[in-house]
Amino acid sequence: MEEPVGPMASLALVEAMRRGAFPPAPAAVNNYDSELSRFSRPMLTMAAVLTILVMILGVAGNLLTIVALLRCPRVRNVAAAFIISLCVADLLFCVTVLPFSASRFIHGTWTHGGALCTVVPFMRYGNVGVSLLSIAMITINRYIMIAHYNIYGRVYRTGWIAAMIVFCWLFSYGFQLPTLAGVWGVFGFDKQLGTCSIRPDAAGRSSKTALFVTAFVVPCIIIIGCYARIFWVVHESEKRMRAHGARSAGTGPLAAPKQGREGREQRAKRNEWRITKMVLAIFLSFLCCYLPITIVKVTDHNVRYPGLHVTGYLLLYLSACINPIIYVIMNAQYRQAYRSVLTCHRQRHRMTASTADRGMDGNSKTMVSQVSIAMSPVSLTPGPRVDDDF
């Protein structure tokens, strides 16, 4: 027969549980209470709905892009290889991160336990790193194509392209292995942030700052530097092309063949320049999506403005579905590739002969006039053929 528990014994038991002498019952305490509890329920509901919408659009858009680029020879070039890597990273983000983010908004806290609280931020940081490194690789590709065309064929061979893509993935996830092992910060629930993230370990160490500098700041500097050089080369080459066009005007019967060749090169140049501007738009959208939440987290530790935090989260999630929209808006070739997939016809059966001729010129002899005129104002010789397909 059990002895009755008196008032003093009850108080002692309560005090012992308060001090942690006994583990609390699972339902008694929620170890994942967060600042999200301070947000209004309508705001969290709206955030959950928008997150689910972004997830659906991201899965559909990135999957469609991957299939279109793999099926359609018209757009299958070196840049497309890196874009496929970018789409795979965004697709994984939509599948492995956004469902738990929507659940967090719905419940106002994390409800999926400690194991997933480790896996989800590992996937989130890894996919973000792959995305930004892929954008950097595409930008470097555009830079070499435009500013150093003579070495393009040596740099972008199949083996080197595969090595670059593998590097993006191994570096992004490998950088987090010390945190996953608990020797340089730990993955866990951050009450202040209201999400599972990188937290300081027992020794107070965290890889978050190094991760931010290495995987975000450095690629951004590389991308900005490449585009500054690209715009300078384009500006200088256009000046030389105008001067050369003025000298070439009215040179007699030989002018017509030259003008025909220059016209093809001009179309090729415009095609490459459209792709370059599209990549710039992708990078700028990446900054617009990631900078707000970074700034809010740094400047509003006490969550005085909950709406800004929710807006920052939603912009962060938007980055996973915005790239296919940019492809559709800015590139006619991608639109045609999407259309060929959606109508279940391969691209090559739908192209006219003239369109195919323009496409081959654009993919195999890209930016010839851009480089040759920029480097030598009197030379229009295409030089060795560069295979831009993968």
Protein backbone atom coordinates (compact mmCIF):
# COMPACT_ATOMS: atom_id res chain seq x y z
CA MET A 1 0.00 0.00 0.00
CA GLU A 2 1.40 3.37 -1.04
CA GLU A 3 1.88 6.00 1.55
CA PRO A 4 -0.12 9.20 1.03
CA VAL A 5 1.85 12.18 -0.17
CA GLY A 6 1.61 15.04 2.29
CA PRO A 7 1.75 18.73 1.52
CA MET A 8 5.45 19.00 2.35
CA ALA A 9 6.31 16.04 0.15
CA SER A 10 4.31 17.54 -2.70
CA LEU A 11 6.16 20.82 -2.41
CA ALA A 12 9.49 19.00 -2.37
CA LEU A 13 8.52 17.06 -5.49
CA VAL A 14 7.51 20.22 -7.32
CA GLU A 15 10.75 21.94 -6.31
CA ALA A 16 12.79 18.97 -7.51
CA MET A 17 11.06 18.99 -10.89
CA ARG A 18 11.60 22.73 -11.16
CA ARG A 19 15.33 22.27 -10.60
CA GLY A 20 15.47 19.49 -13.21
CA ALA A 21 16.01 16.61 -10.82
CA PHE A 22 13.28 14.70 -12.60
CA PRO A 23 12.56 14.84 -16.35
CA PRO A 24 9.22 16.51 -17.05
CA ALA A 25 6.48 14.64 -18.81
CA PRO A 26 6.60 15.10 -22.57
CA ALA A 27 3.31 17.00 -22.71
CA ALA A 28 4.05 19.15 -19.71
CA VAL A 29 6.72 21.35 -21.23
CA ASN A 30 7.29 22.45 -24.81
CA ASN A 31 11.03 22.81 -25.34
CA TYR A 32 10.41 24.58 -28.63
CA ASP A 33 8.53 27.66 -27.41
CA SER A 34 9.68 30.59 -29.53
CA GLU A 35 9.15 34.21 -30.37
CA LEU A 36 6.56 33.13 -32.95
CA SER A 37 4.11 32.91 -30.06
CA ARG A 38 4.19 36.72 -30.02
CA PHE A 39 2.94 36.94 -33.60
CA SER A 40 -0.76 37.31 -34.33
CA ARG A 41 -2.64 34.21 -35.47
CA PRO A 42 -3.88 35.84 -38.75
CA MET A 43 -0.30 36.78 -39.60
CA LEU A 44 0.95 33.23 -39.01
CA THR A 45 -1.95 31.77 -41.00
CA MET A 46 -1.23 34.05 -43.94
CA ALA A 47 2.48 33.15 -43.75
CA ALA A 48 1.63 29.43 -43.75
CA VAL A 49 -0.64 29.77 -46.80
CA LEU A 50 1.96 31.76 -48.73
CA THR A 51 4.69 29.29 -47.78
CA ILE A 52 2.61 26.39 -49.09
CA LEU A 53 1.91 28.33 -52.30
CA VAL A 54 5.63 29.04 -52.80
CA MET A 55 6.39 25.38 -52.15
CA ILE A 56 3.93 24.23 -54.83
CA LEU A 57 5.18 26.78 -57.38
CA GLY A 58 8.80 25.97 -56.56
CA VAL A 59 8.38 22.22 -56.98
CA ALA A 60 6.47 22.61 -60.26
CA GLY A 61 8.67 25.36 -61.72
CA ASN A 62 12.05 23.84 -60.88
CA LEU A 63 11.00 20.35 -61.92
CA LEU A 64 9.70 21.70 -65.23
CA THR A 65 12.94 23.60 -65.78
CA ILE A 66 15.09 20.52 -65.15
CA VAL A 67 13.04 18.41 -67.57
CA ALA A 68 13.02 21.16 -70.22
CA LEU A 69 16.78 21.68 -70.10
CA LEU A 70 17.47 17.95 -70.26
CA ARG A 71 15.03 17.28 -73.12
CA CYS A 72 15.58 20.27 -75.38
CA PRO A 73 18.90 20.49 -77.29
CA ARG A 74 18.13 24.12 -78.16
CA VAL A 75 18.96 25.28 -74.62
CA ARG A 76 21.43 22.57 -73.64
CA ASN A 77 24.67 24.52 -73.18
CA VAL A 78 27.24 25.08 -70.43
CA ALA A 79 25.15 27.67 -68.59
CA ALA A 80 22.22 25.23 -68.58
CA ALA A 81 24.33 22.66 -66.70
CA PHE A 82 24.79 25.08 -63.81
CA ILE A 83 21.16 26.18 -64.01
CA ILE A 84 20.10 22.54 -63.61
CA SER A 85 22.28 22.35 -60.47
CA LEU A 86 20.63 25.54 -59.21
CA CYS A 87 17.15 24.12 -59.90
CA VAL A 88 17.96 20.86 -58.10
CA ALA A 89 19.06 22.83 -55.02
CA ASP A 90 15.89 24.95 -55.10
CA LEU A 91 13.75 21.84 -55.61
CA LEU A 92 15.33 20.16 -52.57
CA PHE A 93 14.74 23.35 -50.58
CA CYS A 94 11.04 23.24 -51.48
CA VAL A 95 10.72 19.55 -50.58
CA THR A 96 12.88 19.32 -47.46
CA VAL A 97 12.57 22.77 -45.85
CA LEU A 98 9.35 24.54 -46.79
CA PRO A 99 6.91 21.87 -45.46
CA PHE A 100 8.43 22.25 -41.99
CA SER A 101 8.42 26.03 -42.30
CA ALA A 102 4.70 25.99 -43.10
CA SER A 103 4.11 23.67 -40.13
CA ARG A 104 6.05 26.05 -37.90
CA PHE A 105 3.77 28.93 -38.92
CA ILE A 106 0.65 26.81 -38.45
CA HIS A 107 1.56 25.58 -34.97
CA GLY A 108 3.47 28.65 -33.86
CA THR A 109 6.44 26.49 -32.86
CA TRP A 110 8.57 23.51 -33.88
CA THR A 111 6.70 20.22 -33.46
CA HIS A 112 8.89 17.65 -35.23
CA GLY A 113 11.46 16.69 -32.62
CA GLY A 114 15.19 16.99 -32.26
CA ALA A 115 16.34 14.76 -35.13
CA LEU A 116 14.54 16.78 -37.80
CA CYS A 117 15.62 19.96 -36.01
CA THR A 118 19.15 18.91 -36.98
CA VAL A 119 18.44 17.66 -40.50
CA VAL A 120 16.27 20.55 -41.72
CA PRO A 121 18.77 23.39 -41.06
CA PHE A 122 21.54 21.21 -42.48
CA MET A 123 19.56 20.93 -45.71
CA ARG A 124 18.55 24.59 -45.65
CA TYR A 125 22.07 25.98 -45.33
CA GLY A 126 23.41 23.41 -47.78
CA ASN A 127 20.87 24.23 -50.49
CA VAL A 128 21.35 27.97 -50.02
CA GLY A 129 25.10 27.51 -50.43
CA VAL A 130 24.66 25.42 -53.57
CA SER A 131 22.29 28.02 -55.02
CA LEU A 132 24.67 30.93 -54.53
CA LEU A 133 27.74 29.00 -55.69
CA SER A 134 25.83 27.86 -58.79
CA ILE A 135 24.94 31.48 -59.57
CA ALA A 136 28.61 32.39 -59.10
CA MET A 137 29.67 29.61 -61.48
CA ILE A 138 27.20 30.79 -64.12
CA THR A 139 28.48 34.35 -63.74
CA ILE A 140 32.09 33.21 -64.15
CA ASN A 141 30.99 31.28 -67.23
CA ARG A 142 29.46 34.43 -68.71
CA TYR A 143 32.57 36.43 -67.81
CA ILE A 144 34.97 34.01 -69.53
CA MET A 145 32.65 33.74 -72.53
CA ILE A 146 32.60 37.51 -73.00
CA ALA A 147 35.99 38.72 -71.74
CA HIS A 148 38.24 35.70 -72.39
CA TYR A 149 36.69 33.89 -75.30
CA ASN A 150 40.03 32.47 -76.50
CA ILE A 151 40.33 30.20 -73.42
CA TYR A 152 36.65 29.30 -73.12
CA GLY A 153 36.96 25.99 -74.95
CA ARG A 154 39.84 24.86 -72.72
CA VAL A 155 38.08 25.75 -69.48
CA TYR A 156 34.58 24.45 -70.17
CA ARG A 157 35.09 20.84 -71.10
CA THR A 158 32.72 18.15 -69.89
CA GLY A 159 35.03 16.93 -67.13
CA TRP A 160 35.71 20.41 -65.79
CA ILE A 161 32.02 21.31 -65.84
CA ALA A 162 31.17 18.21 -63.80
CA ALA A 163 34.00 18.99 -61.36
CA MET A 164 32.70 22.56 -60.86
CA ILE A 165 29.18 21.33 -60.11
CA VAL A 166 30.43 18.64 -57.73
CA PHE A 167 32.55 21.27 -55.96
CA CYS A 168 29.47 23.46 -55.36
CA TRP A 169 27.67 20.59 -53.63
CA LEU A 170 30.61 19.13 -51.70
CA PHE A 171 31.77 22.51 -50.42
CA SER A 172 28.30 23.67 -49.34
CA TYR A 173 27.47 20.52 -47.40
CA GLY A 174 31.03 19.66 -46.36
CA PHE A 175 31.43 23.05 -44.69
CA GLN A 176 28.62 22.07 -42.31
CA LEU A 177 29.97 18.68 -41.28
CA PRO A 178 31.83 20.09 -38.23
CA THR A 179 28.56 21.65 -37.06
CA LEU A 180 26.70 18.41 -37.72
CA ALA A 181 29.32 16.62 -35.59
CA GLY A 182 28.93 19.21 -32.82
CA VAL A 183 32.54 20.40 -32.86
CA TRP A 184 31.92 23.85 -34.40
CA GLY A 185 28.50 24.93 -33.22
CA VAL A 186 25.45 22.67 -33.19
CA PHE A 187 22.19 22.40 -35.09
CA GLY A 188 19.25 22.94 -32.79
CA PHE A 189 16.21 25.04 -31.97
CA ASP A 190 16.94 28.74 -31.56
CA LYS A 191 14.20 30.29 -29.46
CA GLN A 192 15.21 33.82 -30.44
CA LEU A 193 14.98 33.06 -34.14
CA GLY A 194 11.93 30.81 -33.75
CA THR A 195 13.44 28.15 -35.99
CA CYS A 196 15.99 25.35 -36.05
CA SER A 197 19.34 26.87 -36.90
CA ILE A 198 23.04 26.92 -35.98
CA ARG A 199 23.58 27.52 -32.27
CA PRO A 200 26.78 27.94 -30.24
CA ASP A 201 28.15 24.70 -28.84
CA ALA A 202 29.17 24.08 -25.23
CA ALA A 203 32.40 26.04 -25.77
CA GLY A 204 30.52 28.98 -27.27
CA ARG A 205 31.73 28.33 -30.84
CA SER A 206 29.50 28.77 -33.88
CA SER A 207 30.13 28.40 -37.59
CA LYS A 208 27.40 30.84 -38.57
CA THR A 209 29.67 33.86 -39.14
CA ALA A 210 32.25 31.88 -41.10
CA LEU A 211 29.46 30.28 -43.13
CA PHE A 212 27.96 33.67 -43.92
CA VAL A 213 31.30 35.13 -45.04
CA THR A 214 32.50 32.09 -47.01
CA ALA A 215 29.26 31.00 -48.66
CA PHE A 216 27.57 34.39 -49.08
CA VAL A 217 29.92 37.39 -48.99
CA VAL A 218 32.78 35.91 -51.04
CA PRO A 219 30.55 34.63 -53.90
CA CYS A 220 28.75 37.98 -53.95
CA ILE A 221 32.07 39.83 -54.33
CA ILE A 222 33.09 37.48 -57.16
CA ILE A 223 29.75 37.95 -58.93
CA ILE A 224 29.83 41.74 -58.62
CA GLY A 225 33.44 41.84 -59.86
CA CYS A 226 32.63 39.65 -62.87
CA TYR A 227 29.66 41.77 -63.86
CA ALA A 228 31.64 44.98 -63.53
CA ARG A 229 34.19 43.55 -65.96
CA ILE A 230 31.45 42.22 -68.29
CA PHE A 231 29.77 45.61 -68.56
CA TRP A 232 33.11 47.29 -69.24
CA VAL A 233 33.95 44.83 -72.04
CA VAL A 234 30.48 45.22 -73.57
CA HIS A 235 30.74 49.00 -73.44
CA GLU A 236 34.19 49.06 -75.05
CA SER A 237 33.26 46.53 -77.74
CA GLU A 238 30.14 48.47 -78.70
CA LYS A 239 32.27 51.59 -79.17
CA ARG A 240 34.67 49.67 -81.39
CA MET A 241 31.82 48.08 -83.35
CA ARG A 242 30.28 51.47 -84.09
CA ALA A 243 33.64 52.81 -85.23
CA HIS A 244 34.27 49.72 -87.37
CA GLY A 245 30.78 49.93 -88.89
CA ALA A 246 31.39 53.53 -89.90
CA ARG A 247 34.67 52.59 -91.60
CA SER A 248 33.13 49.57 -93.36
CA ALA A 249 30.14 51.42 -94.82
CA GLY A 250 30.14 51.65 -98.60
CA THR A 251 33.19 49.50 -99.36
CA GLY A 252 31.72 48.06 -102.59
CA PRO A 253 30.74 44.49 -103.56
CA LEU A 254 32.65 42.95 -100.62
CA ALA A 255 30.45 44.75 -98.12
CA ALA A 256 27.45 42.41 -98.51
CA PRO A 257 29.20 39.15 -97.42
CA LYS A 258 30.81 40.96 -94.51
CA GLN A 259 27.50 42.40 -93.44
CA GLY A 260 25.88 38.97 -93.59
CA ARG A 261 28.57 37.46 -91.39
CA GLU A 262 28.46 40.38 -89.00
CA GLY A 263 24.66 40.06 -88.83
CA ARG A 264 24.94 36.45 -87.68
CA GLU A 265 27.54 37.41 -85.12
CA GLN A 266 25.34 40.24 -83.92
CA ARG A 267 22.47 37.79 -83.35
CA ALA A 268 24.84 35.48 -81.48
CA LYS A 269 26.03 38.38 -79.35
CA ARG A 270 22.50 39.43 -78.49
CA ASN A 271 21.63 35.84 -77.51
CA GLU A 272 24.58 35.60 -75.12
CA TRP A 273 23.88 39.05 -73.73
CA ARG A 274 20.29 38.04 -72.98
CA ILE A 275 21.54 35.02 -71.02
CA THR A 276 24.02 37.23 -69.16
CA LYS A 277 21.29 39.70 -68.19
CA MET A 278 19.10 36.80 -67.09
CA VAL A 279 21.83 35.55 -64.75
CA LEU A 280 22.23 39.06 -63.37
CA ALA A 281 18.48 39.15 -62.68
CA ILE A 282 18.77 35.80 -60.85
CA PHE A 283 21.56 37.17 -58.66
CA LEU A 284 19.71 40.39 -57.88
CA SER A 285 16.57 38.42 -56.98
CA PHE A 286 18.71 36.25 -54.69
CA LEU A 287 19.96 39.35 -52.89
CA CYS A 288 16.46 40.80 -52.62
CA CYS A 289 15.22 37.54 -51.11
CA TYR A 290 18.03 36.93 -48.62
CA LEU A 291 19.16 40.38 -47.49
CA PRO A 292 15.89 41.45 -45.77
CA ILE A 293 15.79 38.52 -43.32
CA THR A 294 19.52 38.95 -42.65
CA ILE A 295 19.10 42.64 -41.87
CA VAL A 296 16.00 42.06 -39.73
CA LYS A 297 17.67 39.34 -37.67
CA VAL A 298 20.72 41.53 -37.04
CA THR A 299 18.86 44.73 -36.18
CA ASP A 300 15.74 43.44 -34.38
CA HIS A 301 16.91 40.85 -31.85
CA ASN A 302 13.93 41.49 -29.57
CA VAL A 303 11.33 41.02 -32.33
CA ARG A 304 9.77 44.43 -31.88
CA TYR A 305 8.43 44.29 -35.44
CA PRO A 306 6.96 40.80 -36.02
CA GLY A 307 5.63 41.72 -39.45
CA LEU A 308 9.15 42.41 -40.73
CA HIS A 309 10.30 39.00 -39.55
CA VAL A 310 7.45 37.18 -41.27
CA THR A 311 8.01 39.21 -44.46
CA GLY A 312 11.70 38.34 -44.34
CA TYR A 313 10.93 34.64 -44.00
CA LEU A 314 8.51 34.74 -46.94
CA LEU A 315 11.02 36.54 -49.17
CA LEU A 316 13.60 33.91 -48.23
CA TYR A 317 11.22 31.14 -49.27
CA LEU A 318 10.31 33.01 -52.46
CA SER A 319 13.87 32.57 -53.72
CA ALA A 320 13.14 28.87 -54.29
CA CYS A 321 10.46 29.53 -56.93
CA ILE A 322 11.38 32.86 -58.49
CA ASN A 323 14.12 31.65 -60.87
CA PRO A 324 11.79 29.75 -63.27
CA ILE A 325 9.67 32.91 -63.47
CA ILE A 326 12.77 34.87 -64.50
CA TYR A 327 13.60 32.26 -67.15
CA VAL A 328 10.12 32.59 -68.65
CA ILE A 329 10.12 36.39 -68.65
CA MET A 330 13.64 37.02 -69.95
CA ASN A 331 14.48 34.20 -72.37
CA ALA A 332 12.42 33.16 -75.39
CA GLN A 333 14.39 29.93 -75.80
CA TYR A 334 13.44 28.82 -72.29
CA ARG A 335 9.81 29.70 -72.96
CA GLN A 336 9.89 27.51 -76.05
CA ALA A 337 11.54 24.70 -74.06
CA TYR A 338 8.82 24.90 -71.39
CA ARG A 339 6.17 24.88 -74.07
CA SER A 340 7.66 21.81 -75.71
CA VAL A 341 7.56 19.92 -72.40
CA LEU A 342 4.03 21.00 -71.51
CA THR A 343 2.72 20.00 -74.94
CA CYS A 344 4.65 16.69 -74.86
CA HIS A 345 6.65 17.47 -78.02
CA ARG A 346 10.38 17.67 -78.33
CA GLN A 347 11.83 21.01 -79.23
CA ARG A 348 13.62 19.90 -82.38
CA HIS A 349 10.34 18.81 -84.02
CA ARG A 350 8.80 22.24 -83.49
CA MET A 351 11.60 24.50 -84.68
CA THR A 352 11.62 25.97 -88.13
CA ALA A 353 14.78 25.85 -90.20
CA SER A 354 15.50 29.54 -89.71
CA THR A 355 15.10 29.34 -85.95
CA ALA A 356 17.40 26.34 -85.80
CA ASP A 357 20.01 28.18 -87.84
CA ARG A 358 19.93 31.13 -85.46
CA GLY A 359 20.16 28.82 -82.45
CA MET A 360 23.23 27.00 -83.75
CA ASP A 361 24.97 30.27 -84.43
CA GLY A 362 24.06 31.49 -80.95
CA ASN A 363 25.30 28.39 -79.14
CA SER A 364 28.45 27.50 -81.06
CA LYS A 365 29.98 30.88 -82.01
CA THR A 366 28.77 33.07 -79.20
CA MET A 367 30.08 36.55 -78.64
CA VAL A 368 32.59 36.30 -81.54
CA SER A 369 32.08 39.86 -82.66
CA GLN A 370 31.96 40.98 -79.03
CA VAL A 371 35.44 39.68 -78.28
CA SER A 372 37.16 40.08 -81.64
CA ILE A 373 36.13 43.70 -82.06
CA ALA A 374 36.85 44.56 -78.42
CA MET A 375 40.35 43.14 -78.62
CA SER A 376 41.17 44.03 -82.21
CA PRO A 377 39.23 46.76 -83.98
CA VAL A 378 39.98 45.44 -87.47
CA SER A 379 39.63 41.66 -87.01
CA LEU A 380 36.36 39.81 -87.46
CA THR A 381 37.77 36.30 -87.83
CA PRO A 382 35.74 33.91 -85.64
CA GLY A 383 38.74 31.82 -84.53
CA PRO A 384 38.49 28.24 -83.29
CA ARG A 385 35.06 26.77 -82.71
CA VAL A 386 33.97 26.51 -79.10
CA ASP A 387 31.53 23.80 -78.20
CA ASP A 388 29.14 25.31 -75.68
CA ASP A 389 27.00 22.18 -75.39
CA PHE A 390 27.28 19.71 -72.54
